[in-house]
Each structure stands twice: as structure tokens, then as C-alpha cells.
C-alpha atoms as a PDB file:
ATOM      1  CA  UNK A   1       0.000   0.000   0.000  1.00  0.00           C
ATOM      2  CA  UNK A   2       1.428   3.353  -1.059  1.00  0.00           C
ATOM      3  CA  UNK A   3       1.686   5.915   1.725  1.00  0.00           C
ATOM      4  CA  UNK A   4       0.216   9.364   1.120  1.00  0.00           C
ATOM      5  CA  UNK A   5       2.780  12.143   0.739  1.00  0.00           C
ATOM      6  CA  UNK A   6       0.955  14.146   3.397  1.00  0.00           C
ATOM      7  CA  UNK A   7       0.577  11.287   5.867  1.00  0.00           C
ATOM      8  CA  UNK A   8       2.231  11.701   9.272  1.00  0.00           C
ATOM      9  CA  UNK A   9       2.655  15.451   8.804  1.00  0.00           C
ATOM     10  CA  UNK A  10       1.550  17.868  11.505  1.00  0.00           C
ATOM     11  CA  UNK A  11       1.397  21.596  10.898  1.00  0.00           C
ATOM     12  CA  UNK A  12       2.535  23.997  13.612  1.00  0.00           C
ATOM     13  CA  UNK A  13       0.767  27.291  14.205  1.00  0.00           C
ATOM     14  CA  UNK A  14       2.860  30.383  14.817  1.00  0.00           C
ATOM     15  CA  UNK A  15       2.566  32.010  18.221  1.00  0.00           C
ATOM     16  CA  UNK A  16       2.342  35.338  16.395  1.00  0.00           C
ATOM     17  CA  UNK A  17      -1.112  36.049  15.018  1.00  0.00           C
ATOM     18  CA  UNK A  18      -1.532  37.511  11.560  1.00  0.00           C
ATOM     19  CA  UNK A  19      -3.215  40.628  12.937  1.00  0.00           C
ATOM     20  CA  UNK A  20      -0.173  41.263  15.124  1.00  0.00           C
ATOM     21  CA  UNK A  21       2.091  41.213  12.083  1.00  0.00           C
ATOM     22  CA  UNK A  22      -0.253  43.481  10.178  1.00  0.00           C
ATOM     23  CA  UNK A  23      -0.390  45.956  13.062  1.00  0.00           C
ATOM     24  CA  UNK A  24       3.404  45.978  13.243  1.00  0.00           C
ATOM     25  CA  UNK A  25       3.716  46.612   9.500  1.00  0.00           C
ATOM     26  CA  UNK A  26       0.805  49.014   9.179  1.00  0.00           C
ATOM     27  CA  UNK A  27      -0.700  47.097   6.270  1.00  0.00           C
ATOM     28  CA  UNK A  28      -2.796  44.031   5.500  1.00  0.00           C
ATOM     29  CA  UNK A  29      -1.267  41.139   3.609  1.00  0.00           C
ATOM     30  CA  UNK A  30      -3.118  40.612   0.330  1.00  0.00           C
ATOM     31  CA  UNK A  31      -2.252  39.358  -3.147  1.00  0.00           C
ATOM     32  CA  UNK A  32      -2.855  41.320  -6.329  1.00  0.00           C
ATOM     33  CA  UNK A  33      -3.005  38.648  -9.027  1.00  0.00           C
ATOM     34  CA  UNK A  34      -2.274  39.961 -12.533  1.00  0.00           C
ATOM     35  CA  UNK A  35      -3.515  37.833 -15.405  1.00  0.00           C
ATOM     36  CA  UNK A  36      -3.328  38.550 -19.119  1.00  0.00           C
ATOM     37  CA  UNK A  37      -1.663  37.585 -22.365  1.00  0.00           C
ATOM     38  CA  UNK A  38       2.080  37.697 -22.851  1.00  0.00           C
ATOM     39  CA  UNK A  39       3.127  41.344 -23.484  1.00  0.00           C
ATOM     40  CA  UNK A  40      -0.103  42.698 -21.982  1.00  0.00           C
ATOM     41  CA  UNK A  41       2.014  44.703 -19.528  1.00  0.00           C
ATOM     42  CA  UNK A  42       1.999  42.486 -16.442  1.00  0.00           C
ATOM     43  CA  UNK A  43       5.693  42.769 -15.590  1.00  0.00           C
ATOM     44  CA  UNK A  44       5.897  46.463 -16.458  1.00  0.00           C
ATOM     45  CA  UNK A  45       2.942  47.436 -14.284  1.00  0.00           C
ATOM     46  CA  UNK A  46       3.900  45.007 -11.506  1.00  0.00           C
ATOM     47  CA  UNK A  47       7.349  46.590 -11.301  1.00  0.00           C
ATOM     48  CA  UNK A  48       5.893  50.102 -11.232  1.00  0.00           C
ATOM     49  CA  UNK A  49       3.352  49.145  -8.550  1.00  0.00           C
ATOM     50  CA  UNK A  50       6.005  47.459  -6.413  1.00  0.00           C
ATOM     51  CA  UNK A  51       8.212  50.558  -6.628  1.00  0.00           C
ATOM     52  CA  UNK A  52       5.306  52.862  -5.691  1.00  0.00           C
ATOM     53  CA  UNK A  53       4.222  50.742  -2.721  1.00  0.00           C
ATOM     54  CA  UNK A  54       7.777  50.396  -1.430  1.00  0.00           C
ATOM     55  CA  UNK A  55       8.429  54.123  -1.778  1.00  0.00           C
ATOM     56  CA  UNK A  56       5.214  54.748   0.171  1.00  0.00           C
ATOM     57  CA  UNK A  57       6.620  52.695   3.050  1.00  0.00           C
ATOM     58  CA  UNK A  58       4.987  49.327   2.459  1.00  0.00           C
ATOM     59  CA  UNK A  59       6.568  45.883   2.492  1.00  0.00           C
ATOM     60  CA  UNK A  60       5.789  44.316  -0.857  1.00  0.00           C
ATOM     61  CA  UNK A  61       7.145  41.485  -2.986  1.00  0.00           C
ATOM     62  CA  UNK A  62       6.640  40.865  -6.691  1.00  0.00           C
ATOM     63  CA  UNK A  63       6.407  37.268  -7.927  1.00  0.00           C
ATOM     64  CA  UNK A  64       7.095  37.175 -11.670  1.00  0.00           C
ATOM     65  CA  UNK A  65       6.591  34.314 -14.113  1.00  0.00           C
ATOM     66  CA  UNK A  66      10.096  34.019 -15.540  1.00  0.00           C
ATOM     67  CA  UNK A  67      11.759  34.490 -12.149  1.00  0.00           C
ATOM     68  CA  UNK A  68       9.677  31.757 -10.540  1.00  0.00           C
ATOM     69  CA  UNK A  69      10.249  29.359 -13.430  1.00  0.00           C
ATOM     70  CA  UNK A  70      14.024  29.710 -13.130  1.00  0.00           C
ATOM     71  CA  UNK A  71      13.916  28.984  -9.403  1.00  0.00           C
ATOM     72  CA  UNK A  72      11.029  27.548  -7.419  1.00  0.00           C
ATOM     73  CA  UNK A  73       9.365  25.982 -10.455  1.00  0.00           C
ATOM     74  CA  UNK A  74      12.415  25.214 -12.584  1.00  0.00           C
ATOM     75  CA  UNK A  75      11.320  21.573 -12.775  1.00  0.00           C
ATOM     76  CA  UNK A  76       8.028  22.394 -14.503  1.00  0.00           C
ATOM     77  CA  UNK A  77       7.279  22.599 -18.209  1.00  0.00           C
ATOM     78  CA  UNK A  78       4.284  24.040 -20.034  1.00  0.00           C
ATOM     79  CA  UNK A  79       1.892  21.090 -20.211  1.00  0.00           C
ATOM     80  CA  UNK A  80      -1.587  21.644 -18.796  1.00  0.00           C
ATOM     81  CA  UNK A  81      -0.619  19.684 -15.688  1.00  0.00           C
ATOM     82  CA  UNK A  82       2.600  21.645 -15.167  1.00  0.00           C
ATOM     83  CA  UNK A  83       0.846  24.953 -15.686  1.00  0.00           C
ATOM     84  CA  UNK A  84      -1.662  23.993 -12.996  1.00  0.00           C
ATOM     85  CA  UNK A  85       1.109  22.975 -10.599  1.00  0.00           C
ATOM     86  CA  UNK A  86       2.974  26.198 -11.387  1.00  0.00           C
ATOM     87  CA  UNK A  87      -0.009  28.283 -10.312  1.00  0.00           C
ATOM     88  CA  UNK A  88      -0.651  26.112  -7.235  1.00  0.00           C
ATOM     89  CA  UNK A  89       2.905  26.583  -5.969  1.00  0.00           C
ATOM     90  CA  UNK A  90       2.805  30.319  -6.616  1.00  0.00           C
ATOM     91  CA  UNK A  91      -0.460  30.631  -4.718  1.00  0.00           C
ATOM     92  CA  UNK A  92       1.000  28.690  -1.792  1.00  0.00           C
ATOM     93  CA  UNK A  93       4.046  30.988  -1.742  1.00  0.00           C
ATOM     94  CA  UNK A  94       1.827  34.087  -1.931  1.00  0.00           C
ATOM     95  CA  UNK A  95      -0.208  32.846   1.009  1.00  0.00           C
ATOM     96  CA  UNK A  96       2.932  32.453   3.125  1.00  0.00           C
ATOM     97  CA  UNK A  97       3.996  36.000   2.260  1.00  0.00           C
ATOM     98  CA  UNK A  98       0.499  37.256   3.111  1.00  0.00           C
ATOM     99  CA  UNK A  99       0.589  35.393   6.426  1.00  0.00           C
ATOM    100  CA  UNK A 100       3.783  37.313   7.184  1.00  0.00           C
ATOM    101  CA  UNK A 101       1.887  40.547   6.492  1.00  0.00           C
ATOM    102  CA  UNK A 102       3.443  41.342   3.112  1.00  0.00           C
ATOM    103  CA  UNK A 103       1.676  42.679   0.063  1.00  0.00           C
ATOM    104  CA  UNK A 104       2.201  40.368  -2.911  1.00  0.00           C
ATOM    105  CA  UNK A 105       2.040  41.170  -6.603  1.00  0.00           C
ATOM    106  CA  UNK A 106       1.703  37.972  -8.639  1.00  0.00           C
ATOM    107  CA  UNK A 107       2.205  38.552 -12.372  1.00  0.00           C
ATOM    108  CA  UNK A 108       1.413  35.425 -14.385  1.00  0.00           C
ATOM    109  CA  UNK A 109      -0.419  34.681 -17.612  1.00  0.00           C
ATOM    110  CA  UNK A 110      -2.414  32.057 -15.659  1.00  0.00           C
ATOM    111  CA  UNK A 111      -4.654  31.308 -18.666  1.00  0.00           C
ATOM    112  CA  UNK A 112      -6.978  28.831 -16.953  1.00  0.00           C
ATOM    113  CA  UNK A 113      -9.939  30.235 -15.033  1.00  0.00           C
ATOM    114  CA  UNK A 114     -10.040  27.047 -12.935  1.00  0.00           C
ATOM    115  CA  UNK A 115      -6.413  27.499 -11.922  1.00  0.00           C
ATOM    116  CA  UNK A 116      -7.116  31.098 -10.896  1.00  0.00           C
ATOM    117  CA  UNK A 117     -10.148  30.021  -8.879  1.00  0.00           C
ATOM    118  CA  UNK A 118      -7.992  27.431  -7.122  1.00  0.00           C
ATOM    119  CA  UNK A 119      -5.318  30.066  -6.471  1.00  0.00           C
ATOM    120  CA  UNK A 120      -7.993  32.201  -4.848  1.00  0.00           C
ATOM    121  CA  UNK A 121      -9.004  29.280  -2.630  1.00  0.00           C
ATOM    122  CA  UNK A 122      -5.389  28.741  -1.532  1.00  0.00           C
ATOM    123  CA  UNK A 123      -4.718  32.403  -0.812  1.00  0.00           C
ATOM    124  CA  UNK A 124      -8.159  33.176   0.592  1.00  0.00           C
ATOM    125  CA  UNK A 125     -11.072  35.008  -0.995  1.00  0.00           C
ATOM    126  CA  UNK A 126     -10.599  38.040   1.272  1.00  0.00           C
ATOM    127  CA  UNK A 127      -6.926  38.357   0.253  1.00  0.00           C
ATOM    128  CA  UNK A 128      -7.072  37.540  -3.459  1.00  0.00           C
ATOM    129  CA  UNK A 129      -7.633  40.430  -5.890  1.00  0.00           C
ATOM    130  CA  UNK A 130      -7.721  39.398  -9.539  1.00  0.00           C
ATOM    131  CA  UNK A 131      -6.606  42.092 -11.991  1.00  0.00           C
ATOM    132  CA  UNK A 132      -7.121  41.498 -15.703  1.00  0.00           C
ATOM    133  CA  UNK A 133      -4.690  43.253 -18.016  1.00  0.00           C
ATOM    134  CA  UNK A 134      -7.017  43.407 -20.960  1.00  0.00           C
ATOM    135  CA  UNK A 135      -4.873  44.147 -24.005  1.00  0.00           C
ATOM    136  CA  UNK A 136      -6.043  42.873 -27.410  1.00  0.00           C
ATOM    137  CA  UNK A 137      -4.009  40.048 -28.942  1.00  0.00           C
ATOM    138  CA  UNK A 138      -2.952  42.224 -31.874  1.00  0.00           C
ATOM    139  CA  UNK A 139      -1.550  44.841 -29.473  1.00  0.00           C
ATOM    140  CA  UNK A 140       0.369  42.236 -27.471  1.00  0.00           C
ATOM    141  CA  UNK A 141       1.688  40.660 -30.645  1.00  0.00           C
ATOM    142  CA  UNK A 142       2.806  44.044 -31.989  1.00  0.00           C
ATOM    143  CA  UNK A 143       4.740  44.688 -28.774  1.00  0.00           C
ATOM    144  CA  UNK A 144       6.265  41.187 -28.539  1.00  0.00           C
ATOM    145  CA  UNK A 145       9.346  42.336 -26.549  1.00  0.00           C
ATOM    146  CA  UNK A 146      10.770  38.809 -26.278  1.00  0.00           C
ATOM    147  CA  UNK A 147       9.891  37.691 -29.806  1.00  0.00           C
ATOM    148  CA  UNK A 148       7.672  34.945 -28.400  1.00  0.00           C
ATOM    149  CA  UNK A 149       4.690  35.521 -30.666  1.00  0.00           C
ATOM    150  CA  UNK A 150       6.939  35.396 -33.723  1.00  0.00           C
ATOM    151  CA  UNK A 151       8.378  32.084 -32.559  1.00  0.00           C
ATOM    152  CA  UNK A 152       4.904  30.767 -31.782  1.00  0.00           C
ATOM    153  CA  UNK A 153       3.675  31.680 -35.266  1.00  0.00           C
ATOM    154  CA  UNK A 154       6.671  29.858 -36.716  1.00  0.00           C
ATOM    155  CA  UNK A 155       5.846  26.776 -34.661  1.00  0.00           C
ATOM    156  CA  UNK A 156       9.041  27.049 -32.624  1.00  0.00           C
ATOM    157  CA  UNK A 157       7.085  27.469 -29.376  1.00  0.00           C
ATOM    158  CA  UNK A 158       4.207  24.972 -29.110  1.00  0.00           C
ATOM    159  CA  UNK A 159       1.171  25.525 -26.885  1.00  0.00           C
ATOM    160  CA  UNK A 160       1.647  29.286 -26.720  1.00  0.00           C
ATOM    161  CA  UNK A 161      -1.199  31.116 -24.982  1.00  0.00           C
ATOM    162  CA  UNK A 162      -3.249  33.244 -27.344  1.00  0.00           C
ATOM    163  CA  UNK A 163      -1.852  31.565 -30.471  1.00  0.00           C
ATOM    164  CA  UNK A 164      -1.922  27.784 -30.135  1.00  0.00           C
ATOM    165  CA  UNK A 165      -3.284  27.493 -26.576  1.00  0.00           C
ATOM    166  CA  UNK A 166      -6.404  29.121 -25.122  1.00  0.00           C
ATOM    167  CA  UNK A 167      -6.642  32.041 -22.720  1.00  0.00           C
ATOM    168  CA  UNK A 168      -9.752  32.179 -20.539  1.00  0.00           C
ATOM    169  CA  UNK A 169     -10.384  35.812 -19.641  1.00  0.00           C
ATOM    170  CA  UNK A 170     -11.788  36.629 -16.199  1.00  0.00           C
ATOM    171  CA  UNK A 171     -15.526  37.200 -16.115  1.00  0.00           C
ATOM    172  CA  UNK A 172     -15.654  39.427 -13.043  1.00  0.00           C
ATOM    173  CA  UNK A 173     -12.146  40.552 -12.027  1.00  0.00           C
ATOM    174  CA  UNK A 174     -11.643  42.942  -9.130  1.00  0.00           C
ATOM    175  CA  UNK A 175     -10.135  45.343 -11.670  1.00  0.00           C
ATOM    176  CA  UNK A 176      -9.863  45.422 -15.455  1.00  0.00           C
ATOM    177  CA  UNK A 177      -7.066  47.498 -16.984  1.00  0.00           C
ATOM    178  CA  UNK A 178      -6.938  48.162 -20.710  1.00  0.00           C
ATOM    179  CA  UNK A 179      -3.187  48.554 -21.102  1.00  0.00           C
ATOM    180  CA  UNK A 180      -3.592  49.494 -24.757  1.00  0.00           C
ATOM    181  CA  UNK A 181      -5.200  52.791 -23.756  1.00  0.00           C
ATOM    182  CA  UNK A 182      -4.135  53.452 -20.150  1.00  0.00           C
ATOM    183  CA  UNK A 183      -0.700  54.742 -19.169  1.00  0.00           C
ATOM    184  CA  UNK A 184       1.461  52.959 -16.608  1.00  0.00           C
ATOM    185  CA  UNK A 185       0.778  55.732 -14.110  1.00  0.00           C
ATOM    186  CA  UNK A 186      -2.986  55.477 -14.644  1.00  0.00           C
ATOM    187  CA  UNK A 187      -2.821  51.733 -14.059  1.00  0.00           C
ATOM    188  CA  UNK A 188      -0.786  52.148 -10.873  1.00  0.00           C
ATOM    189  CA  UNK A 189      -3.205  54.757  -9.515  1.00  0.00           C
ATOM    190  CA  UNK A 190      -6.139  52.427 -10.186  1.00  0.00           C
ATOM    191  CA  UNK A 191      -4.322  49.625  -8.361  1.00  0.00           C
ATOM    192  CA  UNK A 192      -3.544  51.866  -5.380  1.00  0.00           C
ATOM    193  CA  UNK A 193      -7.244  52.709  -5.190  1.00  0.00           C
ATOM    194  CA  UNK A 194      -8.105  49.007  -5.308  1.00  0.00           C
ATOM    195  CA  UNK A 195      -5.733  48.230  -2.428  1.00  0.00           C
ATOM    196  CA  UNK A 196      -6.948  51.234  -0.426  1.00  0.00           C
ATOM    197  CA  UNK A 197     -10.595  50.233  -0.837  1.00  0.00           C
ATOM    198  CA  UNK A 198      -9.666  46.673   0.202  1.00  0.00           C
ATOM    199  CA  UNK A 199      -8.189  48.004   3.448  1.00  0.00           C
ATOM    200  CA  UNK A 200      -4.712  46.730   2.595  1.00  0.00           C
ATOM    201  CA  UNK A 201      -2.965  50.092   3.002  1.00  0.00           C
ATOM    202  CA  UNK A 202      -2.785  52.038   6.234  1.00  0.00           C
ATOM    203  CA  UNK A 203      -3.951  55.672   5.994  1.00  0.00           C
END
């Protein structure tokens, strides 16, 4: 009989409550989850938001797709199963950061609506704020800073989201940003308002 991987494991609760950490830091740990096509502006806006929050005195950490895949998730590929596991691990990491009182910016294509729903369940509905970077495919493809769309069209990259693999857009995100028409600053201001309304930022 095969033993479960989680059998004989016992979690230990910290003697420091989450609210104590949040009071110490003057903020509430939440995750802003960016989703959108490649080149929709996720990394650009995530970096600008992180800089703004840090400069305003907040503890914040940005989890980015390429960075995570060269470290924590270096063993994963791009099959449907690996994509799901990629998002699960990221959500688990974000929850730990949130438990420590940190603000988290998670910037991932995360094309599957089911995977995003599961990420929300891991992180917690009251901490998870889905932000859809809604840039049309033709705009993203025209930007193509890494040349990924070109390679996908040539068949060099198989199962590329938006070209040869589907992207399931959020139906009711906490915030929708059209990065084809909004400036970086406008997007950051909208995100600050979202976090303020969610009670994540101290006055």
C-alpha cells in the first residue's frame, strides 16, 4: 500500500497572530493577481506598482513568471498539468507572504480560469484580488518584446497562450485594466485605489 505524501505530517501554528504582524507593519497582507496575455504589460505594471508601494513605506514582494520558473518551479514545463502545478505553488508561496503581512504582486499569464479560482481558494477570498490586463491580442503581438509571438507563429514554441493554446479571460475581475489605452501611471493609480478600498494600506 502506497503511503500518502501528506501522511504523518503535523502543521505547527505560529505564536504570532496575523493581525499582530499586520499591526506591526501598518498594512494588511493581500495578493494582487495579474492575469493577461504575454506582453499585456503584467511585468511592467507590476514593477511600477512594487516601486510605488515600497516608496510609500509598504513591504511588498513581486512574484514574476520568468523568475519563478528559473527557481522555485524550474522543474516544470508548459503542459496543462505543469501549468496547474505552477499556479498552485505560486499561490501557496503568496499565502505564506500574506501570512507574514506582506503585500504580494503575482504577475502570471495564468490562462486557466479554474487554476485562478484554485489560487484564490489557496490564498483566501478576502486576500485575493484578480486584476485582468485586458490588451487585445494584436496589441500584445505588436509589442512582442521577447519575440515569443513570432516564434509561436513559426511553430518554434508549441502551446503558446493566445496563439496555439487558449486564454480564458476573467468574467468578473476585481479590476480590469486596458493597457492598450491606459498609461502605466494610470494603471498604478487604479491599483492603489483598489488596495486602499480593500483596506490593505494604512492611511
